[in-house]
Amino acid sequence: MMSTNIISSTDVQRNFTQVLQKLRSSNEPLVVVRDSVPAAVMMGYAEYRRLFALEKQLVTARFEKLWEEMARHNANISDKELNADIERAKRYAKRRR
């Protein structure tokens, strides 16, 4: 479980080198507040890459699930009917531009 570390935008500006060092040595993100309102989150690059990879996996899993659902839904539709639907969708999309 990650803890929430809060830092003011002024402290970030004044201590930028130390903030970067802390981010590099810790997996803990920093919530940057301005006027006592959360304005941003800073995190180390390794943590960013980890989160990016997780998001990519999630998107891929959702796409694969949708693809499987579409395959089941269209299992009894011929290729000719599917191609006709695709062409109608293309024409519709061109008209909407």
N, C-alpha and C. Protein backbone atom coordinates (compact mmCIF):
# COMPACT_ATOMS: atom_id res chain seq x y z
N MET A 1 0.84 -1.18 0.00
CA MET A 1 0.00 0.00 0.00
C MET A 1 0.88 1.24 0.00
N MET A 2 0.60 2.14 -0.89
CA MET A 2 1.37 3.37 -0.97
C MET A 2 0.83 4.40 0.01
N SER A 3 1.75 5.11 0.62
CA SER A 3 1.32 6.20 1.48
C SER A 3 1.19 7.46 0.63
N THR A 4 0.51 8.45 1.15
CA THR A 4 0.34 9.70 0.44
C THR A 4 1.28 10.74 1.03
N ASN A 5 2.24 11.14 0.24
CA ASN A 5 3.17 12.19 0.63
C ASN A 5 2.73 13.47 -0.07
N ILE A 6 2.59 14.52 0.70
CA ILE A 6 2.10 15.79 0.17
C ILE A 6 3.22 16.81 0.26
N ILE A 7 3.34 17.61 -0.80
CA ILE A 7 4.34 18.67 -0.83
C ILE A 7 3.74 19.88 -1.53
N SER A 8 4.09 21.06 -1.07
CA SER A 8 3.57 22.27 -1.70
C SER A 8 4.34 22.57 -2.99
N SER A 9 3.69 23.25 -3.91
CA SER A 9 4.37 23.62 -5.15
C SER A 9 5.56 24.52 -4.86
N THR A 10 5.47 25.33 -3.85
CA THR A 10 6.59 26.20 -3.46
C THR A 10 7.78 25.36 -3.02
N ASP A 11 7.51 24.31 -2.20
CA ASP A 11 8.60 23.43 -1.76
C ASP A 11 9.22 22.68 -2.94
N VAL A 12 8.41 22.32 -3.91
CA VAL A 12 8.95 21.65 -5.10
C VAL A 12 9.91 22.60 -5.81
N GLN A 13 9.49 23.84 -5.98
CA GLN A 13 10.34 24.82 -6.66
C GLN A 13 11.64 25.06 -5.89
N ARG A 14 11.54 25.20 -4.62
CA ARG A 14 12.73 25.52 -3.79
C ARG A 14 13.68 24.34 -3.63
N ASN A 15 13.15 23.14 -3.67
CA ASN A 15 13.95 21.94 -3.37
C ASN A 15 13.89 20.90 -4.49
N PHE A 16 13.90 21.37 -5.72
CA PHE A 16 13.66 20.48 -6.85
C PHE A 16 14.64 19.31 -6.90
N THR A 17 15.92 19.56 -6.70
CA THR A 17 16.91 18.49 -6.75
C THR A 17 16.64 17.43 -5.69
N GLN A 18 16.33 17.87 -4.47
CA GLN A 18 16.05 16.92 -3.40
C GLN A 18 14.75 16.15 -3.67
N VAL A 19 13.76 16.83 -4.24
CA VAL A 19 12.50 16.16 -4.58
C VAL A 19 12.77 15.07 -5.60
N LEU A 20 13.56 15.38 -6.63
CA LEU A 20 13.89 14.35 -7.63
C LEU A 20 14.63 13.18 -7.01
N GLN A 21 15.56 13.47 -6.12
CA GLN A 21 16.29 12.39 -5.45
C GLN A 21 15.35 11.51 -4.65
N LYS A 22 14.41 12.13 -3.95
CA LYS A 22 13.43 11.36 -3.17
C LYS A 22 12.57 10.48 -4.09
N LEU A 23 12.16 11.03 -5.21
CA LEU A 23 11.34 10.26 -6.15
C LEU A 23 12.11 9.08 -6.74
N ARG A 24 13.38 9.29 -7.01
CA ARG A 24 14.20 8.22 -7.57
C ARG A 24 14.46 7.11 -6.57
N SER A 25 14.57 7.44 -5.29
CA SER A 25 14.91 6.44 -4.27
C SER A 25 13.69 5.78 -3.64
N SER A 26 12.51 6.25 -4.00
CA SER A 26 11.29 5.74 -3.39
C SER A 26 10.26 5.42 -4.47
N ASN A 27 9.41 4.48 -4.19
CA ASN A 27 8.29 4.21 -5.10
C ASN A 27 7.05 5.00 -4.71
N GLU A 28 7.21 5.91 -3.78
CA GLU A 28 6.07 6.68 -3.28
C GLU A 28 5.87 7.95 -4.10
N PRO A 29 4.67 8.15 -4.61
CA PRO A 29 4.39 9.39 -5.34
C PRO A 29 4.26 10.58 -4.40
N LEU A 30 4.40 11.75 -4.94
CA LEU A 30 4.20 12.99 -4.19
C LEU A 30 3.00 13.71 -4.76
N VAL A 31 2.09 14.11 -3.90
CA VAL A 31 0.95 14.93 -4.32
C VAL A 31 1.38 16.37 -4.13
N VAL A 32 1.36 17.13 -5.20
CA VAL A 32 1.75 18.53 -5.15
C VAL A 32 0.48 19.36 -4.96
N VAL A 33 0.49 20.18 -3.91
CA VAL A 33 -0.67 21.02 -3.63
C VAL A 33 -0.32 22.48 -3.88
N ARG A 34 -1.30 23.20 -4.34
CA ARG A 34 -1.17 24.64 -4.53
C ARG A 34 -2.38 25.27 -3.89
N ASP A 35 -2.15 26.17 -2.98
CA ASP A 35 -3.25 26.79 -2.22
C ASP A 35 -4.08 25.71 -1.52
N SER A 36 -3.41 24.71 -0.98
CA SER A 36 -4.02 23.61 -0.23
C SER A 36 -4.93 22.71 -1.08
N VAL A 37 -4.80 22.80 -2.40
CA VAL A 37 -5.62 21.98 -3.31
C VAL A 37 -4.68 21.10 -4.13
N PRO A 38 -4.94 19.78 -4.19
CA PRO A 38 -4.08 18.92 -5.01
C PRO A 38 -4.07 19.42 -6.46
N ALA A 39 -2.86 19.60 -7.00
CA ALA A 39 -2.72 20.13 -8.35
C ALA A 39 -2.04 19.14 -9.29
N ALA A 40 -1.21 18.26 -8.74
CA ALA A 40 -0.47 17.33 -9.58
C ALA A 40 0.07 16.19 -8.73
N VAL A 41 0.54 15.17 -9.42
CA VAL A 41 1.21 14.06 -8.76
C VAL A 41 2.56 13.88 -9.45
N MET A 42 3.58 13.76 -8.64
CA MET A 42 4.92 13.47 -9.16
C MET A 42 5.29 12.06 -8.71
N MET A 43 5.93 11.33 -9.62
CA MET A 43 6.37 9.98 -9.28
C MET A 43 7.67 9.69 -10.00
N GLY A 44 8.39 8.73 -9.49
CA GLY A 44 9.63 8.32 -10.13
C GLY A 44 9.35 7.68 -11.48
N TYR A 45 10.35 7.71 -12.34
CA TYR A 45 10.19 7.18 -13.68
C TYR A 45 9.86 5.68 -13.67
N ALA A 46 10.50 4.93 -12.79
CA ALA A 46 10.24 3.49 -12.71
C ALA A 46 8.77 3.23 -12.37
N GLU A 47 8.22 4.02 -11.46
CA GLU A 47 6.81 3.86 -11.09
C GLU A 47 5.89 4.25 -12.26
N TYR A 48 6.26 5.29 -12.96
CA TYR A 48 5.49 5.68 -14.15
C TYR A 48 5.47 4.56 -15.18
N ARG A 49 6.64 3.96 -15.45
CA ARG A 49 6.72 2.87 -16.42
C ARG A 49 5.88 1.67 -15.96
N ARG A 50 5.91 1.38 -14.66
CA ARG A 50 5.12 0.27 -14.12
C ARG A 50 3.64 0.53 -14.34
N LEU A 51 3.18 1.73 -14.02
CA LEU A 51 1.77 2.07 -14.20
C LEU A 51 1.37 2.07 -15.67
N PHE A 52 2.25 2.57 -16.53
CA PHE A 52 1.99 2.57 -17.96
C PHE A 52 1.82 1.15 -18.49
N ALA A 53 2.69 0.24 -18.04
CA ALA A 53 2.60 -1.16 -18.46
C ALA A 53 1.31 -1.80 -17.97
N LEU A 54 0.91 -1.50 -16.74
CA LEU A 54 -0.35 -2.03 -16.21
C LEU A 54 -1.54 -1.53 -17.02
N GLU A 55 -1.52 -0.25 -17.35
CA GLU A 55 -2.62 0.32 -18.15
C GLU A 55 -2.68 -0.34 -19.52
N LYS A 56 -1.52 -0.56 -20.12
CA LYS A 56 -1.47 -1.21 -21.43
C LYS A 56 -2.05 -2.62 -21.35
N GLN A 57 -1.70 -3.35 -20.28
CA GLN A 57 -2.24 -4.70 -20.10
C GLN A 57 -3.76 -4.66 -19.94
N LEU A 58 -4.25 -3.70 -19.19
CA LEU A 58 -5.69 -3.57 -18.97
C LEU A 58 -6.42 -3.27 -20.28
N VAL A 59 -5.89 -2.35 -21.05
CA VAL A 59 -6.51 -2.01 -22.33
C VAL A 59 -6.51 -3.22 -23.25
N THR A 60 -5.40 -3.95 -23.29
CA THR A 60 -5.30 -5.14 -24.14
C THR A 60 -6.32 -6.19 -23.70
N ALA A 61 -6.44 -6.41 -22.41
CA ALA A 61 -7.41 -7.40 -21.91
C ALA A 61 -8.84 -7.00 -22.26
N ARG A 62 -9.15 -5.72 -22.12
CA ARG A 62 -10.50 -5.24 -22.47
C ARG A 62 -10.78 -5.42 -23.96
N PHE A 63 -9.78 -5.12 -24.78
CA PHE A 63 -9.95 -5.28 -26.22
C PHE A 63 -10.16 -6.75 -26.58
N GLU A 64 -9.36 -7.63 -25.98
CA GLU A 64 -9.50 -9.06 -26.26
C GLU A 64 -10.87 -9.57 -25.84
N LYS A 65 -11.36 -9.11 -24.71
CA LYS A 65 -12.69 -9.51 -24.25
C LYS A 65 -13.76 -9.03 -25.23
N LEU A 66 -13.65 -7.78 -25.66
CA LEU A 66 -14.60 -7.25 -26.64
C LEU A 66 -14.53 -8.02 -27.94
N TRP A 67 -13.31 -8.34 -28.38
CA TRP A 67 -13.13 -9.11 -29.61
C TRP A 67 -13.82 -10.47 -29.51
N GLU A 68 -13.67 -11.15 -28.37
CA GLU A 68 -14.31 -12.45 -28.16
C GLU A 68 -15.83 -12.31 -28.15
N GLU A 69 -16.34 -11.26 -27.51
CA GLU A 69 -17.79 -11.03 -27.47
C GLU A 69 -18.33 -10.78 -28.88
N MET A 70 -17.59 -10.02 -29.66
CA MET A 70 -18.01 -9.74 -31.03
C MET A 70 -18.02 -11.03 -31.86
N ALA A 71 -17.01 -11.86 -31.64
CA ALA A 71 -16.93 -13.12 -32.39
C ALA A 71 -18.12 -14.02 -32.05
N ARG A 72 -18.48 -14.08 -30.76
CA ARG A 72 -19.65 -14.89 -30.36
C ARG A 72 -20.93 -14.30 -30.95
N HIS A 73 -21.05 -12.98 -30.88
CA HIS A 73 -22.26 -12.30 -31.37
C HIS A 73 -22.41 -12.49 -32.88
N ASN A 74 -21.29 -12.49 -33.61
CA ASN A 74 -21.33 -12.56 -35.07
C ASN A 74 -21.09 -13.97 -35.61
N ALA A 75 -21.10 -14.97 -34.75
CA ALA A 75 -20.78 -16.33 -35.17
C ALA A 75 -21.69 -16.84 -36.28
N ASN A 76 -22.95 -16.42 -36.30
CA ASN A 76 -23.90 -16.93 -37.30
C ASN A 76 -24.13 -15.95 -38.44
N ILE A 77 -23.28 -14.94 -38.56
CA ILE A 77 -23.42 -13.96 -39.64
C ILE A 77 -22.35 -14.27 -40.70
N SER A 78 -22.75 -14.26 -41.95
CA SER A 78 -21.82 -14.61 -43.03
C SER A 78 -20.81 -13.48 -43.26
N ASP A 79 -19.71 -13.85 -43.90
CA ASP A 79 -18.70 -12.85 -44.25
C ASP A 79 -19.29 -11.78 -45.16
N LYS A 80 -20.18 -12.18 -46.04
CA LYS A 80 -20.81 -11.23 -46.96
C LYS A 80 -21.61 -10.18 -46.17
N GLU A 81 -22.37 -10.64 -45.19
CA GLU A 81 -23.14 -9.70 -44.36
C GLU A 81 -22.22 -8.80 -43.53
N LEU A 82 -21.16 -9.37 -42.98
CA LEU A 82 -20.21 -8.56 -42.20
C LEU A 82 -19.55 -7.50 -43.07
N ASN A 83 -19.12 -7.89 -44.27
CA ASN A 83 -18.49 -6.93 -45.17
C ASN A 83 -19.46 -5.82 -45.56
N ALA A 84 -20.72 -6.16 -45.77
CA ALA A 84 -21.72 -5.14 -46.09
C ALA A 84 -21.88 -4.17 -44.91
N ASP A 85 -21.92 -4.70 -43.72
CA ASP A 85 -22.01 -3.84 -42.53
C ASP A 85 -20.79 -2.92 -42.40
N ILE A 86 -19.63 -3.45 -42.70
CA ILE A 86 -18.40 -2.65 -42.62
C ILE A 86 -18.45 -1.51 -43.64
N GLU A 87 -18.88 -1.81 -44.83
CA GLU A 87 -18.96 -0.77 -45.87
C GLU A 87 -19.98 0.30 -45.49
N ARG A 88 -21.11 -0.10 -44.91
CA ARG A 88 -22.10 0.89 -44.45
C ARG A 88 -21.50 1.77 -43.36
N ALA A 89 -20.76 1.16 -42.46
CA ALA A 89 -20.13 1.92 -41.38
C ALA A 89 -19.10 2.91 -41.93
N LYS A 90 -18.35 2.50 -42.93
CA LYS A 90 -17.37 3.40 -43.55
C LYS A 90 -18.07 4.60 -44.20
N ARG A 91 -19.13 4.33 -44.92
CA ARG A 91 -19.87 5.44 -45.57
C ARG A 91 -20.45 6.38 -44.52
N TYR A 92 -20.98 5.81 -43.45
CA TYR A 92 -21.52 6.63 -42.35
C TYR A 92 -20.43 7.50 -41.73
N ALA A 93 -19.27 6.91 -41.49
CA ALA A 93 -18.16 7.65 -40.88
C ALA A 93 -17.69 8.78 -41.80
N LYS A 94 -17.64 8.55 -43.10
CA LYS A 94 -17.23 9.61 -44.03
C LYS A 94 -18.22 10.76 -44.03
N ARG A 95 -19.51 10.46 -43.93
CA ARG A 95 -20.54 11.52 -43.91
C ARG A 95 -20.44 12.34 -42.64
N ARG A 96 -19.98 11.75 -41.54
CA ARG A 96 -19.93 12.43 -40.24
C ARG A 96 -18.71 13.36 -40.12
N ARG A 97 -17.77 13.30 -41.03
CA ARG A 97 -16.56 14.14 -40.93
C ARG A 97 -16.84 15.57 -41.23
